[in-house]
Amino acid sequence: MKNIENDSLLIENNNHQSRLFSFVKWVVLVVAYFVVIYKLATFDDYDLLFACIRNITYSQCVGLIVILLLFPVNYLLEALKWKVSISGIANISLRSAIISTFVGNVGAIITPNRLGDYPVRAAYLGLKNKVEAVMLGMIGSAMLSLVIVVFGVFALIHYISAFGIQIVNKYYFYLLFLIISSAFVLILLLPFVMSKIHFEKIRNKFLYNLFSEMSKMNYLMLLKITLLSLLRYVVFFSQYAIILSFFSSQITIVNALLVIPIVYLFTTITPTISASEAATRAGYALLLFEPMGVAAPAVIIATLFLWIVNNGIPICVGFILSHFKVIK
């Protein structure tokens, strides 16, 4: 009887958390779009902005070409990370990894925080161990998130120092950075840690499956996933920096190095739905670039353009590919 009551309380608590999480996501959506629309409506120098766009230089044209060329590189790296992550349970070709990565965007766009990405990938490939594949894919995704957090916290420390923002003692941020970096090292030592865990004592089914799949990862696999995550970070950081400099000459390399990692950090830790992702990122970019005197529309247009390249186009490609049979 007590077990039934405990289960009922647990279900009720989970439902409450789910409603709260959903409420936060919709608040983020409304606030993000409100900020973006307000900034676009109150900007007065559109003539100057469009004149800068019309009078693009050769170097700016090269920059746009580089952004478009980095798009397939970005997805190739993600496909390789996906292939490596599930290599312990399924041997898929690079072609299948690339196609399923694009198809995964169809599931990502209709779920909060892109949670539908890996289930759709696994289902499209027809993998026998779908749950295990999703778990392993999410571990690979968590590594990329950790990379974003580490660089984001480091940039946030220097941003606060550069602009003299007195929020909290900056040494707290150094401590946080040290903790996150230690977590990074711990993940690389995961195989050793997993070998010491007695799985039979874990009663929670989700944790049991998660730890069980984590135990299948060896050092070489984790190093590959870490390297691919770092390379992906460099790619989409470079894309953002180039497109921002295209729309605004006020953005320097130093400004980009300070702000972009923080934008990705805040976007990563903010509960969102796909419809608000671009606006949320633009909102954070506006907030952080404002002290540098960067024009709001330049930041918004650059952010939306990059979202279309890295998310909008892949969603369309994934939708088309999802109608064709996969070749393993």
C-alpha atoms as a PDB file:
ATOM      1  CA  MET A   1       0.000   0.000   0.000  1.00  0.00           C
ATOM      2  CA  LYS A   2       2.823   2.363   0.871  1.00  0.00           C
ATOM      3  CA  ASN A   3       4.531   1.589  -2.429  1.00  0.00           C
ATOM      4  CA  ILE A   4       1.367   2.516  -4.329  1.00  0.00           C
ATOM      5  CA  GLU A   5       1.104   5.795  -2.415  1.00  0.00           C
ATOM      6  CA  ASN A   6       4.771   6.567  -3.045  1.00  0.00           C
ATOM      7  CA  ASP A   7       4.360   5.840  -6.761  1.00  0.00           C
ATOM      8  CA  SER A   8       1.305   8.125  -6.900  1.00  0.00           C
ATOM      9  CA  LEU A   9       3.225  10.925  -5.207  1.00  0.00           C
ATOM     10  CA  LEU A  10       6.143  10.428  -7.580  1.00  0.00           C
ATOM     11  CA  ILE A  11       3.882  10.569 -10.637  1.00  0.00           C
ATOM     12  CA  GLU A  12       2.135  13.683  -9.290  1.00  0.00           C
ATOM     13  CA  ASN A  13       5.494  15.337  -8.602  1.00  0.00           C
ATOM     14  CA  ASN A  14       6.763  14.492 -12.114  1.00  0.00           C
ATOM     15  CA  ASN A  15       3.586  15.925 -13.653  1.00  0.00           C
ATOM     16  CA  HIS A  16       4.030  19.111 -11.625  1.00  0.00           C
ATOM     17  CA  GLN A  17       7.650  19.452 -12.762  1.00  0.00           C
ATOM     18  CA  SER A  18       6.615  18.801 -16.358  1.00  0.00           C
ATOM     19  CA  ARG A  19       3.970  21.557 -16.220  1.00  0.00           C
ATOM     20  CA  LEU A  20       6.449  23.967 -14.626  1.00  0.00           C
ATOM     21  CA  PHE A  21       9.074  23.176 -17.274  1.00  0.00           C
ATOM     22  CA  SER A  22       6.514  23.688 -20.035  1.00  0.00           C
ATOM     23  CA  PHE A  23       5.444  27.020 -18.510  1.00  0.00           C
ATOM     24  CA  VAL A  24       9.062  28.227 -18.388  1.00  0.00           C
ATOM     25  CA  LYS A  25       9.607  27.276 -22.046  1.00  0.00           C
ATOM     26  CA  TRP A  26       6.568  29.273 -23.174  1.00  0.00           C
ATOM     27  CA  VAL A  27       7.615  32.260 -21.065  1.00  0.00           C
ATOM     28  CA  VAL A  28      11.042  32.125 -22.737  1.00  0.00           C
ATOM     29  CA  LEU A  29       9.334  31.987 -26.144  1.00  0.00           C
ATOM     30  CA  VAL A  30       7.163  35.067 -25.473  1.00  0.00           C
ATOM     31  CA  VAL A  31       9.930  37.122 -23.854  1.00  0.00           C
ATOM     32  CA  ALA A  32      12.492  36.258 -26.541  1.00  0.00           C
ATOM     33  CA  TYR A  33      10.238  37.287 -29.425  1.00  0.00           C
ATOM     34  CA  PHE A  34       9.080  40.395 -27.562  1.00  0.00           C
ATOM     35  CA  VAL A  35      12.685  41.570 -27.096  1.00  0.00           C
ATOM     36  CA  VAL A  36      13.564  40.875 -30.734  1.00  0.00           C
ATOM     37  CA  ILE A  37      10.460  42.648 -32.117  1.00  0.00           C
ATOM     38  CA  TYR A  38      10.899  45.602 -29.746  1.00  0.00           C
ATOM     39  CA  LYS A  39      14.548  46.080 -30.746  1.00  0.00           C
ATOM     40  CA  LEU A  40      13.684  45.884 -34.444  1.00  0.00           C
ATOM     41  CA  ALA A  41      10.805  48.360 -34.049  1.00  0.00           C
ATOM     42  CA  THR A  42      12.815  50.961 -32.095  1.00  0.00           C
ATOM     43  CA  PHE A  43      15.956  50.941 -34.277  1.00  0.00           C
ATOM     44  CA  ASP A  44      16.445  54.185 -36.255  1.00  0.00           C
ATOM     45  CA  ASP A  45      19.440  53.545 -38.527  1.00  0.00           C
ATOM     46  CA  TYR A  46      18.096  51.012 -41.017  1.00  0.00           C
ATOM     47  CA  ASP A  47      19.311  53.128 -43.956  1.00  0.00           C
ATOM     48  CA  LEU A  48      22.882  52.898 -42.702  1.00  0.00           C
ATOM     49  CA  LEU A  49      22.550  49.174 -42.028  1.00  0.00           C
ATOM     50  CA  PHE A  50      21.186  48.368 -45.492  1.00  0.00           C
ATOM     51  CA  ALA A  51      23.815  50.616 -47.081  1.00  0.00           C
ATOM     52  CA  CYS A  52      26.512  48.538 -45.368  1.00  0.00           C
ATOM     53  CA  ILE A  53      24.904  45.344 -46.668  1.00  0.00           C
ATOM     54  CA  ARG A  54      24.607  46.709 -50.220  1.00  0.00           C
ATOM     55  CA  ASN A  55      28.244  47.811 -50.254  1.00  0.00           C
ATOM     56  CA  ILE A  56      29.679  44.445 -49.298  1.00  0.00           C
ATOM     57  CA  THR A  57      33.376  43.892 -49.807  1.00  0.00           C
ATOM     58  CA  TYR A  58      35.228  40.984 -51.342  1.00  0.00           C
ATOM     59  CA  SER A  59      36.256  39.742 -47.889  1.00  0.00           C
ATOM     60  CA  GLN A  60      32.605  39.754 -46.765  1.00  0.00           C
ATOM     61  CA  CYS A  61      31.613  37.664 -49.801  1.00  0.00           C
ATOM     62  CA  VAL A  62      34.379  35.211 -48.936  1.00  0.00           C
ATOM     63  CA  GLY A  63      33.056  35.122 -45.384  1.00  0.00           C
ATOM     64  CA  LEU A  64      29.568  34.142 -46.587  1.00  0.00           C
ATOM     65  CA  ILE A  65      31.043  31.389 -48.752  1.00  0.00           C
ATOM     66  CA  VAL A  66      33.029  30.093 -45.766  1.00  0.00           C
ATOM     67  CA  ILE A  67      29.841  29.994 -43.637  1.00  0.00           C
ATOM     68  CA  LEU A  68      28.053  27.937 -46.298  1.00  0.00           C
ATOM     69  CA  LEU A  69      31.045  25.615 -46.697  1.00  0.00           C
ATOM     70  CA  LEU A  70      31.199  25.071 -42.936  1.00  0.00           C
ATOM     71  CA  PHE A  71      27.559  23.927 -42.944  1.00  0.00           C
ATOM     72  CA  PRO A  72      28.320  20.447 -44.391  1.00  0.00           C
ATOM     73  CA  VAL A  73      31.458  20.259 -42.212  1.00  0.00           C
ATOM     74  CA  ASN A  74      29.293  20.868 -39.142  1.00  0.00           C
ATOM     75  CA  TYR A  75      26.934  18.021 -40.035  1.00  0.00           C
ATOM     76  CA  LEU A  76      29.770  15.707 -41.043  1.00  0.00           C
ATOM     77  CA  LEU A  77      31.302  16.136 -37.587  1.00  0.00           C
ATOM     78  CA  GLU A  78      27.933  15.510 -35.899  1.00  0.00           C
ATOM     79  CA  ALA A  79      27.396  12.405 -38.051  1.00  0.00           C
ATOM     80  CA  LEU A  80      30.855  11.110 -37.109  1.00  0.00           C
ATOM     81  CA  LYS A  81      30.094  11.734 -33.422  1.00  0.00           C
ATOM     82  CA  TRP A  82      26.821   9.807 -33.778  1.00  0.00           C
ATOM     83  CA  LYS A  83      28.576   6.945 -35.593  1.00  0.00           C
ATOM     84  CA  VAL A  84      31.310   6.731 -32.940  1.00  0.00           C
ATOM     85  CA  SER A  85      28.808   6.987 -30.064  1.00  0.00           C
ATOM     86  CA  ILE A  86      26.802   3.921 -31.175  1.00  0.00           C
ATOM     87  CA  SER A  87      29.746   1.940 -32.584  1.00  0.00           C
ATOM     88  CA  GLY A  88      29.595  -0.403 -29.586  1.00  0.00           C
ATOM     89  CA  ILE A  89      26.095  -1.658 -30.486  1.00  0.00           C
ATOM     90  CA  ALA A  90      25.745  -0.930 -34.222  1.00  0.00           C
ATOM     91  CA  ASN A  91      28.148  -0.666 -37.125  1.00  0.00           C
ATOM     92  CA  ILE A  92      26.631   1.857 -39.528  1.00  0.00           C
ATOM     93  CA  SER A  93      28.212   3.468 -42.567  1.00  0.00           C
ATOM     94  CA  LEU A  94      29.159   7.140 -42.668  1.00  0.00           C
ATOM     95  CA  ARG A  95      26.473   7.641 -45.330  1.00  0.00           C
ATOM     96  CA  SER A  96      23.787   6.260 -43.005  1.00  0.00           C
ATOM     97  CA  ALA A  97      25.120   8.358 -40.123  1.00  0.00           C
ATOM     98  CA  ILE A  98      24.918  11.542 -42.209  1.00  0.00           C
ATOM     99  CA  ILE A  99      21.408  10.820 -43.520  1.00  0.00           C
ATOM    100  CA  SER A 100      20.046   9.868 -40.086  1.00  0.00           C
ATOM    101  CA  THR A 101      21.615  13.013 -38.595  1.00  0.00           C
ATOM    102  CA  PHE A 102      19.640  15.139 -41.057  1.00  0.00           C
ATOM    103  CA  VAL A 103      16.459  13.127 -40.485  1.00  0.00           C
ATOM    104  CA  GLY A 104      16.857  13.584 -36.727  1.00  0.00           C
ATOM    105  CA  ASN A 105      16.150  17.293 -37.208  1.00  0.00           C
ATOM    106  CA  VAL A 106      12.548  16.417 -38.036  1.00  0.00           C
ATOM    107  CA  GLY A 107      12.120  14.986 -34.545  1.00  0.00           C
ATOM    108  CA  ALA A 108      14.152  17.773 -32.958  1.00  0.00           C
ATOM    109  CA  ILE A 109      12.001  20.591 -34.353  1.00  0.00           C
ATOM    110  CA  ILE A 110       8.783  19.247 -32.796  1.00  0.00           C
ATOM    111  CA  THR A 111      10.167  18.444 -29.337  1.00  0.00           C
ATOM    112  CA  PRO A 112      11.473  20.642 -26.498  1.00  0.00           C
ATOM    113  CA  ASN A 113      15.243  21.090 -26.313  1.00  0.00           C
ATOM    114  CA  ARG A 114      15.631  18.842 -29.399  1.00  0.00           C
ATOM    115  CA  LEU A 115      14.838  15.712 -27.347  1.00  0.00           C
ATOM    116  CA  GLY A 116      13.316  13.944 -30.340  1.00  0.00           C
ATOM    117  CA  ASP A 117      16.550  14.045 -32.353  1.00  0.00           C
ATOM    118  CA  TYR A 118      18.159  10.746 -31.324  1.00  0.00           C
ATOM    119  CA  PRO A 119      14.961   8.658 -31.109  1.00  0.00           C
ATOM    120  CA  VAL A 120      14.139   9.634 -34.702  1.00  0.00           C
ATOM    121  CA  ARG A 121      17.690   8.811 -35.818  1.00  0.00           C
ATOM    122  CA  ALA A 122      17.539   5.375 -34.197  1.00  0.00           C
ATOM    123  CA  ALA A 123      14.050   4.661 -35.569  1.00  0.00           C
ATOM    124  CA  TYR A 124      15.031   5.739 -39.087  1.00  0.00           C
ATOM    125  CA  LEU A 125      18.048   3.417 -39.087  1.00  0.00           C
ATOM    126  CA  GLY A 126      15.891   0.567 -37.810  1.00  0.00           C
ATOM    127  CA  LEU A 127      18.354  -0.250 -35.043  1.00  0.00           C
ATOM    128  CA  LYS A 128      17.486  -3.234 -32.867  1.00  0.00           C
ATOM    129  CA  ASN A 129      18.767  -1.570 -29.699  1.00  0.00           C
ATOM    130  CA  LYS A 130      16.952   1.738 -30.106  1.00  0.00           C
ATOM    131  CA  VAL A 131      16.919   2.656 -26.416  1.00  0.00           C
ATOM    132  CA  GLU A 132      20.629   1.951 -26.053  1.00  0.00           C
ATOM    133  CA  ALA A 133      21.393   3.967 -29.207  1.00  0.00           C
ATOM    134  CA  VAL A 134      19.406   6.936 -27.890  1.00  0.00           C
ATOM    135  CA  MET A 135      21.229   6.763 -24.549  1.00  0.00           C
ATOM    136  CA  LEU A 136      24.640   6.659 -26.247  1.00  0.00           C
ATOM    137  CA  GLY A 137      23.678   9.503 -28.583  1.00  0.00           C
ATOM    138  CA  MET A 138      22.595  11.625 -25.624  1.00  0.00           C
ATOM    139  CA  ILE A 139      25.922  10.947 -23.893  1.00  0.00           C
ATOM    140  CA  GLY A 140      27.669  12.283 -27.006  1.00  0.00           C
ATOM    141  CA  SER A 141      25.350  15.301 -26.956  1.00  0.00           C
ATOM    142  CA  ALA A 142      26.135  15.860 -23.274  1.00  0.00           C
ATOM    143  CA  MET A 143      29.841  16.033 -24.148  1.00  0.00           C
ATOM    144  CA  LEU A 144      29.158  18.857 -26.616  1.00  0.00           C
ATOM    145  CA  SER A 145      27.049  20.636 -23.978  1.00  0.00           C
ATOM    146  CA  LEU A 146      29.919  20.315 -21.524  1.00  0.00           C
ATOM    147  CA  VAL A 147      32.301  21.874 -24.050  1.00  0.00           C
ATOM    148  CA  ILE A 148      29.844  24.768 -24.509  1.00  0.00           C
ATOM    149  CA  VAL A 149      29.547  25.243 -20.732  1.00  0.00           C
ATOM    150  CA  VAL A 150      33.317  25.192 -20.115  1.00  0.00           C
ATOM    151  CA  PHE A 151      34.105  27.784 -22.798  1.00  0.00           C
ATOM    152  CA  GLY A 152      31.000  29.794 -21.899  1.00  0.00           C
ATOM    153  CA  VAL A 153      31.871  30.067 -18.202  1.00  0.00           C
ATOM    154  CA  PHE A 154      35.461  31.019 -19.058  1.00  0.00           C
ATOM    155  CA  ALA A 155      34.219  33.759 -21.421  1.00  0.00           C
ATOM    156  CA  LEU A 156      31.650  34.944 -18.853  1.00  0.00           C
ATOM    157  CA  ILE A 157      34.409  35.428 -16.271  1.00  0.00           C
ATOM    158  CA  HIS A 158      36.364  37.659 -18.639  1.00  0.00           C
ATOM    159  CA  TYR A 159      33.237  39.497 -19.855  1.00  0.00           C
ATOM    160  CA  ILE A 160      32.359  40.450 -16.275  1.00  0.00           C
ATOM    161  CA  SER A 161      35.943  41.505 -15.651  1.00  0.00           C
ATOM    162  CA  ALA A 162      36.146  43.529 -18.887  1.00  0.00           C
ATOM    163  CA  PHE A 163      32.970  45.521 -18.240  1.00  0.00           C
ATOM    164  CA  GLY A 164      33.328  45.768 -14.476  1.00  0.00           C
ATOM    165  CA  ILE A 165      29.938  44.181 -13.794  1.00  0.00           C
ATOM    166  CA  GLN A 166      29.546  43.730 -10.056  1.00  0.00           C
ATOM    167  CA  ILE A 167      27.189  40.775  -9.785  1.00  0.00           C
ATOM    168  CA  VAL A 168      29.136  38.382  -7.616  1.00  0.00           C
ATOM    169  CA  ASN A 169      32.763  37.947  -6.778  1.00  0.00           C
ATOM    170  CA  LYS A 170      34.512  36.791  -9.952  1.00  0.00           C
ATOM    171  CA  TYR A 171      36.436  34.171  -7.981  1.00  0.00           C
ATOM    172  CA  TYR A 172      33.180  32.231  -7.678  1.00  0.00           C
ATOM    173  CA  PHE A 173      33.209  31.939 -11.455  1.00  0.00           C
ATOM    174  CA  TYR A 174      36.804  30.696 -11.410  1.00  0.00           C
ATOM    175  CA  LEU A 175      35.723  28.075  -8.899  1.00  0.00           C
ATOM    176  CA  LEU A 176      32.789  27.105 -11.126  1.00  0.00           C
ATOM    177  CA  PHE A 177      35.128  26.841 -14.103  1.00  0.00           C
ATOM    178  CA  LEU A 178      37.438  24.596 -12.069  1.00  0.00           C
ATOM    179  CA  ILE A 179      34.514  22.359 -11.083  1.00  0.00           C
ATOM    180  CA  ILE A 180      33.284  22.055 -14.682  1.00  0.00           C
ATOM    181  CA  SER A 181      36.794  21.333 -15.967  1.00  0.00           C
ATOM    182  CA  SER A 182      37.133  18.630 -13.302  1.00  0.00           C
ATOM    183  CA  ALA A 183      33.838  17.154 -14.523  1.00  0.00           C
ATOM    184  CA  PHE A 184      35.308  17.150 -18.038  1.00  0.00           C
ATOM    185  CA  VAL A 185      38.317  15.125 -16.814  1.00  0.00           C
ATOM    186  CA  LEU A 186      36.021  12.824 -14.859  1.00  0.00           C
ATOM    187  CA  ILE A 187      34.045  12.015 -18.003  1.00  0.00           C
ATOM    188  CA  LEU A 188      37.256  11.072 -19.773  1.00  0.00           C
ATOM    189  CA  LEU A 189      37.928   8.713 -16.873  1.00  0.00           C
ATOM    190  CA  LEU A 190      34.437   7.292 -17.226  1.00  0.00           C
ATOM    191  CA  PRO A 191      35.429   3.734 -18.200  1.00  0.00           C
ATOM    192  CA  PHE A 192      37.472   3.351 -15.005  1.00  0.00           C
ATOM    193  CA  VAL A 193      34.666   4.820 -12.861  1.00  0.00           C
ATOM    194  CA  MET A 194      32.026   2.618 -14.517  1.00  0.00           C
ATOM    195  CA  SER A 195      34.104  -0.496 -13.849  1.00  0.00           C
ATOM    196  CA  LYS A 196      33.742   0.152 -10.103  1.00  0.00           C
ATOM    197  CA  ILE A 197      29.935   0.481 -10.108  1.00  0.00           C
ATOM    198  CA  HIS A 198      27.763  -2.491  -9.155  1.00  0.00           C
ATOM    199  CA  PHE A 199      24.861  -2.217 -11.602  1.00  0.00           C
ATOM    200  CA  GLU A 200      22.791  -4.880  -9.891  1.00  0.00           C
ATOM    201  CA  LYS A 201      22.263  -2.483  -6.963  1.00  0.00           C
ATOM    202  CA  ILE A 202      20.690   0.230  -9.164  1.00  0.00           C
ATOM    203  CA  ARG A 203      16.889  -0.074  -9.029  1.00  0.00           C
ATOM    204  CA  ASN A 204      15.960   2.938 -11.148  1.00  0.00           C
ATOM    205  CA  LYS A 205      15.477   1.609 -14.683  1.00  0.00           C
ATOM    206  CA  PHE A 206      16.556   4.834 -16.417  1.00  0.00           C
ATOM    207  CA  LEU A 207      19.763   5.128 -14.379  1.00  0.00           C
ATOM    208  CA  TYR A 208      20.466   1.431 -14.840  1.00  0.00           C
ATOM    209  CA  ASN A 209      20.188   1.748 -18.647  1.00  0.00           C
ATOM    210  CA  LEU A 210      22.214   4.968 -18.665  1.00  0.00           C
ATOM    211  CA  PHE A 211      25.092   3.601 -16.580  1.00  0.00           C
ATOM    212  CA  SER A 212      24.979   0.325 -18.468  1.00  0.00           C
ATOM    213  CA  GLU A 213      25.487   2.110 -21.801  1.00  0.00           C
ATOM    214  CA  MET A 214      28.125   4.439 -20.368  1.00  0.00           C
ATOM    215  CA  SER A 215      30.092   1.394 -19.248  1.00  0.00           C
ATOM    216  CA  LYS A 216      30.358   0.269 -22.881  1.00  0.00           C
ATOM    217  CA  MET A 217      32.389   3.360 -23.808  1.00  0.00           C
ATOM    218  CA  ASN A 218      36.157   2.987 -23.834  1.00  0.00           C
ATOM    219  CA  TYR A 219      38.848   5.655 -23.597  1.00  0.00           C
ATOM    220  CA  LEU A 220      39.408   5.866 -27.348  1.00  0.00           C
ATOM    221  CA  MET A 221      35.688   6.319 -28.006  1.00  0.00           C
ATOM    222  CA  LEU A 222      35.403   9.093 -25.407  1.00  0.00           C
ATOM    223  CA  LEU A 223      38.486  10.857 -26.780  1.00  0.00           C
ATOM    224  CA  LYS A 224      37.027  10.738 -30.297  1.00  0.00           C
ATOM    225  CA  ILE A 225      33.675  12.108 -29.086  1.00  0.00           C
ATOM    226  CA  THR A 226      35.449  14.878 -27.140  1.00  0.00           C
ATOM    227  CA  LEU A 227      37.598  15.845 -30.137  1.00  0.00           C
ATOM    228  CA  LEU A 228      34.598  15.861 -32.491  1.00  0.00           C
ATOM    229  CA  SER A 229      32.640  17.983 -29.980  1.00  0.00           C
ATOM    230  CA  LEU A 230      35.503  20.492 -29.792  1.00  0.00           C
ATOM    231  CA  LEU A 231      35.741  20.654 -33.589  1.00  0.00           C
ATOM    232  CA  ARG A 232      31.970  21.181 -33.885  1.00  0.00           C
ATOM    233  CA  TYR A 233      32.203  23.982 -31.356  1.00  0.00           C
ATOM    234  CA  VAL A 234      34.974  25.649 -33.377  1.00  0.00           C
ATOM    235  CA  VAL A 235      32.867  25.346 -36.548  1.00  0.00           C
ATOM    236  CA  PHE A 236      29.650  26.935 -35.273  1.00  0.00           C
ATOM    237  CA  PHE A 237      31.616  29.526 -33.282  1.00  0.00           C
ATOM    238  CA  SER A 238      33.439  30.520 -36.493  1.00  0.00           C
ATOM    239  CA  GLN A 239      30.182  30.673 -38.443  1.00  0.00           C
ATOM    240  CA  TYR A 240      28.603  32.988 -35.874  1.00  0.00           C
ATOM    241  CA  ALA A 241      31.670  35.239 -35.684  1.00  0.00           C
ATOM    242  CA  ILE A 242      31.865  35.566 -39.489  1.00  0.00           C
ATOM    243  CA  ILE A 243      28.173  36.346 -40.002  1.00  0.00           C
ATOM    244  CA  LEU A 244      28.180  38.894 -37.164  1.00  0.00           C
ATOM    245  CA  SER A 245      31.186  40.679 -38.663  1.00  0.00           C
ATOM    246  CA  PHE A 246      29.402  40.643 -42.052  1.00  0.00           C
ATOM    247  CA  PHE A 247      26.424  42.604 -40.702  1.00  0.00           C
ATOM    248  CA  SER A 248      28.367  44.826 -38.283  1.00  0.00           C
ATOM    249  CA  SER A 249      31.876  46.235 -38.596  1.00  0.00           C
ATOM    250  CA  GLN A 250      31.747  47.100 -34.876  1.00  0.00           C
ATOM    251  CA  ILE A 251      32.263  43.471 -33.907  1.00  0.00           C
ATOM    252  CA  THR A 252      35.957  42.706 -33.395  1.00  0.00           C
ATOM    253  CA  ILE A 253      37.628  39.357 -32.843  1.00  0.00           C
ATOM    254  CA  VAL A 254      37.996  40.143 -29.130  1.00  0.00           C
ATOM    255  CA  ASN A 255      34.281  40.998 -28.852  1.00  0.00           C
ATOM    256  CA  ALA A 256      33.343  37.782 -30.630  1.00  0.00           C
ATOM    257  CA  LEU A 257      35.607  35.698 -28.377  1.00  0.00           C
ATOM    258  CA  LEU A 258      33.955  37.255 -25.333  1.00  0.00           C
ATOM    259  CA  VAL A 259      30.293  37.194 -26.345  1.00  0.00           C
ATOM    260  CA  ILE A 260      29.653  34.190 -28.609  1.00  0.00           C
ATOM    261  CA  PRO A 261      30.621  31.508 -26.044  1.00  0.00           C
ATOM    262  CA  ILE A 262      28.330  33.184 -23.486  1.00  0.00           C
ATOM    263  CA  VAL A 263      25.448  33.287 -25.978  1.00  0.00           C
ATOM    264  CA  TYR A 264      25.814  29.563 -26.618  1.00  0.00           C
ATOM    265  CA  LEU A 265      26.131  28.924 -22.873  1.00  0.00           C
ATOM    266  CA  PHE A 266      22.925  30.802 -21.994  1.00  0.00           C
ATOM    267  CA  THR A 267      21.030  29.258 -24.924  1.00  0.00           C
ATOM    268  CA  THR A 268      22.122  25.757 -23.890  1.00  0.00           C
ATOM    269  CA  ILE A 269      20.996  26.073 -20.273  1.00  0.00           C
ATOM    270  CA  THR A 270      17.705  27.835 -21.105  1.00  0.00           C
ATOM    271  CA  PRO A 271      14.614  25.617 -21.496  1.00  0.00           C
ATOM    272  CA  THR A 272      13.364  26.245 -25.028  1.00  0.00           C
ATOM    273  CA  ILE A 273      11.208  24.887 -27.798  1.00  0.00           C
ATOM    274  CA  SER A 274      12.517  24.924 -31.354  1.00  0.00           C
ATOM    275  CA  ALA A 275      10.297  27.863 -32.309  1.00  0.00           C
ATOM    276  CA  SER A 276      12.053  30.078 -29.753  1.00  0.00           C
ATOM    277  CA  GLU A 277      15.657  28.901 -30.203  1.00  0.00           C
ATOM    278  CA  ALA A 278      16.680  31.543 -32.762  1.00  0.00           C
ATOM    279  CA  ALA A 279      14.915  34.374 -30.924  1.00  0.00           C
ATOM    280  CA  THR A 280      16.370  33.263 -27.573  1.00  0.00           C
ATOM    281  CA  ARG A 281      19.890  33.263 -28.999  1.00  0.00           C
ATOM    282  CA  ALA A 282      19.298  36.662 -30.601  1.00  0.00           C
ATOM    283  CA  GLY A 283      17.963  38.026 -27.296  1.00  0.00           C
ATOM    284  CA  TYR A 284      21.067  36.950 -25.392  1.00  0.00           C
ATOM    285  CA  ALA A 285      23.322  38.301 -28.149  1.00  0.00           C
ATOM    286  CA  LEU A 286      21.519  41.664 -27.990  1.00  0.00           C
ATOM    287  CA  LEU A 287      21.962  41.834 -24.225  1.00  0.00           C
ATOM    288  CA  LEU A 288      25.674  41.023 -24.387  1.00  0.00           C
ATOM    289  CA  PHE A 289      26.628  43.083 -27.452  1.00  0.00           C
ATOM    290  CA  GLU A 290      24.719  46.193 -26.290  1.00  0.00           C
ATOM    291  CA  PRO A 291      27.564  47.550 -24.105  1.00  0.00           C
ATOM    292  CA  MET A 292      29.784  47.363 -27.207  1.00  0.00           C
ATOM    293  CA  GLY A 293      27.479  49.612 -29.243  1.00  0.00           C
ATOM    294  CA  VAL A 294      26.554  46.988 -31.840  1.00  0.00           C
ATOM    295  CA  ALA A 295      23.362  47.701 -33.807  1.00  0.00           C
ATOM    296  CA  ALA A 296      20.487  45.506 -32.651  1.00  0.00           C
ATOM    297  CA  PRO A 297      19.129  44.601 -36.146  1.00  0.00           C
ATOM    298  CA  ALA A 298      22.615  43.499 -37.237  1.00  0.00           C
ATOM    299  CA  VAL A 299      22.760  41.017 -34.358  1.00  0.00           C
ATOM    300  CA  ILE A 300      19.197  39.788 -34.943  1.00  0.00           C
ATOM    301  CA  ILE A 301      19.540  39.363 -38.719  1.00  0.00           C
ATOM    302  CA  ALA A 302      22.908  37.608 -38.342  1.00  0.00           C
ATOM    303  CA  THR A 303      21.519  35.221 -35.714  1.00  0.00           C
ATOM    304  CA  LEU A 304      18.399  34.391 -37.727  1.00  0.00           C
ATOM    305  CA  PHE A 305      20.454  33.908 -40.906  1.00  0.00           C
ATOM    306  CA  LEU A 306      22.753  31.440 -39.148  1.00  0.00           C
ATOM    307  CA  TRP A 307      19.753  29.596 -37.677  1.00  0.00           C
ATOM    308  CA  ILE A 308      18.315  29.182 -41.178  1.00  0.00           C
ATOM    309  CA  VAL A 309      21.650  27.820 -42.473  1.00  0.00           C
ATOM    310  CA  ASN A 310      22.326  25.426 -39.587  1.00  0.00           C
ATOM    311  CA  ASN A 311      18.758  24.475 -38.622  1.00  0.00           C
ATOM    312  CA  GLY A 312      16.189  25.582 -41.208  1.00  0.00           C
ATOM    313  CA  ILE A 313      17.909  24.027 -44.231  1.00  0.00           C
ATOM    314  CA  PRO A 314      18.760  20.747 -42.402  1.00  0.00           C
ATOM    315  CA  ILE A 315      15.129  20.405 -41.276  1.00  0.00           C
ATOM    316  CA  CYS A 316      13.955  20.659 -44.902  1.00  0.00           C
ATOM    317  CA  VAL A 317      16.664  18.246 -46.069  1.00  0.00           C
ATOM    318  CA  GLY A 318      15.832  15.837 -43.235  1.00  0.00           C
ATOM    319  CA  PHE A 319      12.122  15.924 -44.070  1.00  0.00           C
ATOM    320  CA  ILE A 320      12.861  15.016 -47.702  1.00  0.00           C
ATOM    321  CA  LEU A 321      15.354  12.264 -46.764  1.00  0.00           C
ATOM    322  CA  SER A 322      12.927  10.766 -44.240  1.00  0.00           C
ATOM    323  CA  HIS A 323      10.744   9.632 -47.171  1.00  0.00           C
ATOM    324  CA  PHE A 324      13.522   7.503 -48.645  1.00  0.00           C
ATOM    325  CA  LYS A 325      14.720   4.124 -47.412  1.00  0.00           C
ATOM    326  CA  VAL A 326      18.032   4.229 -45.616  1.00  0.00           C
ATOM    327  CA  ILE A 327      21.030   2.477 -47.172  1.00  0.00           C
ATOM    328  CA  LYS A 328      23.101   0.970 -44.359  1.00  0.00           C
END
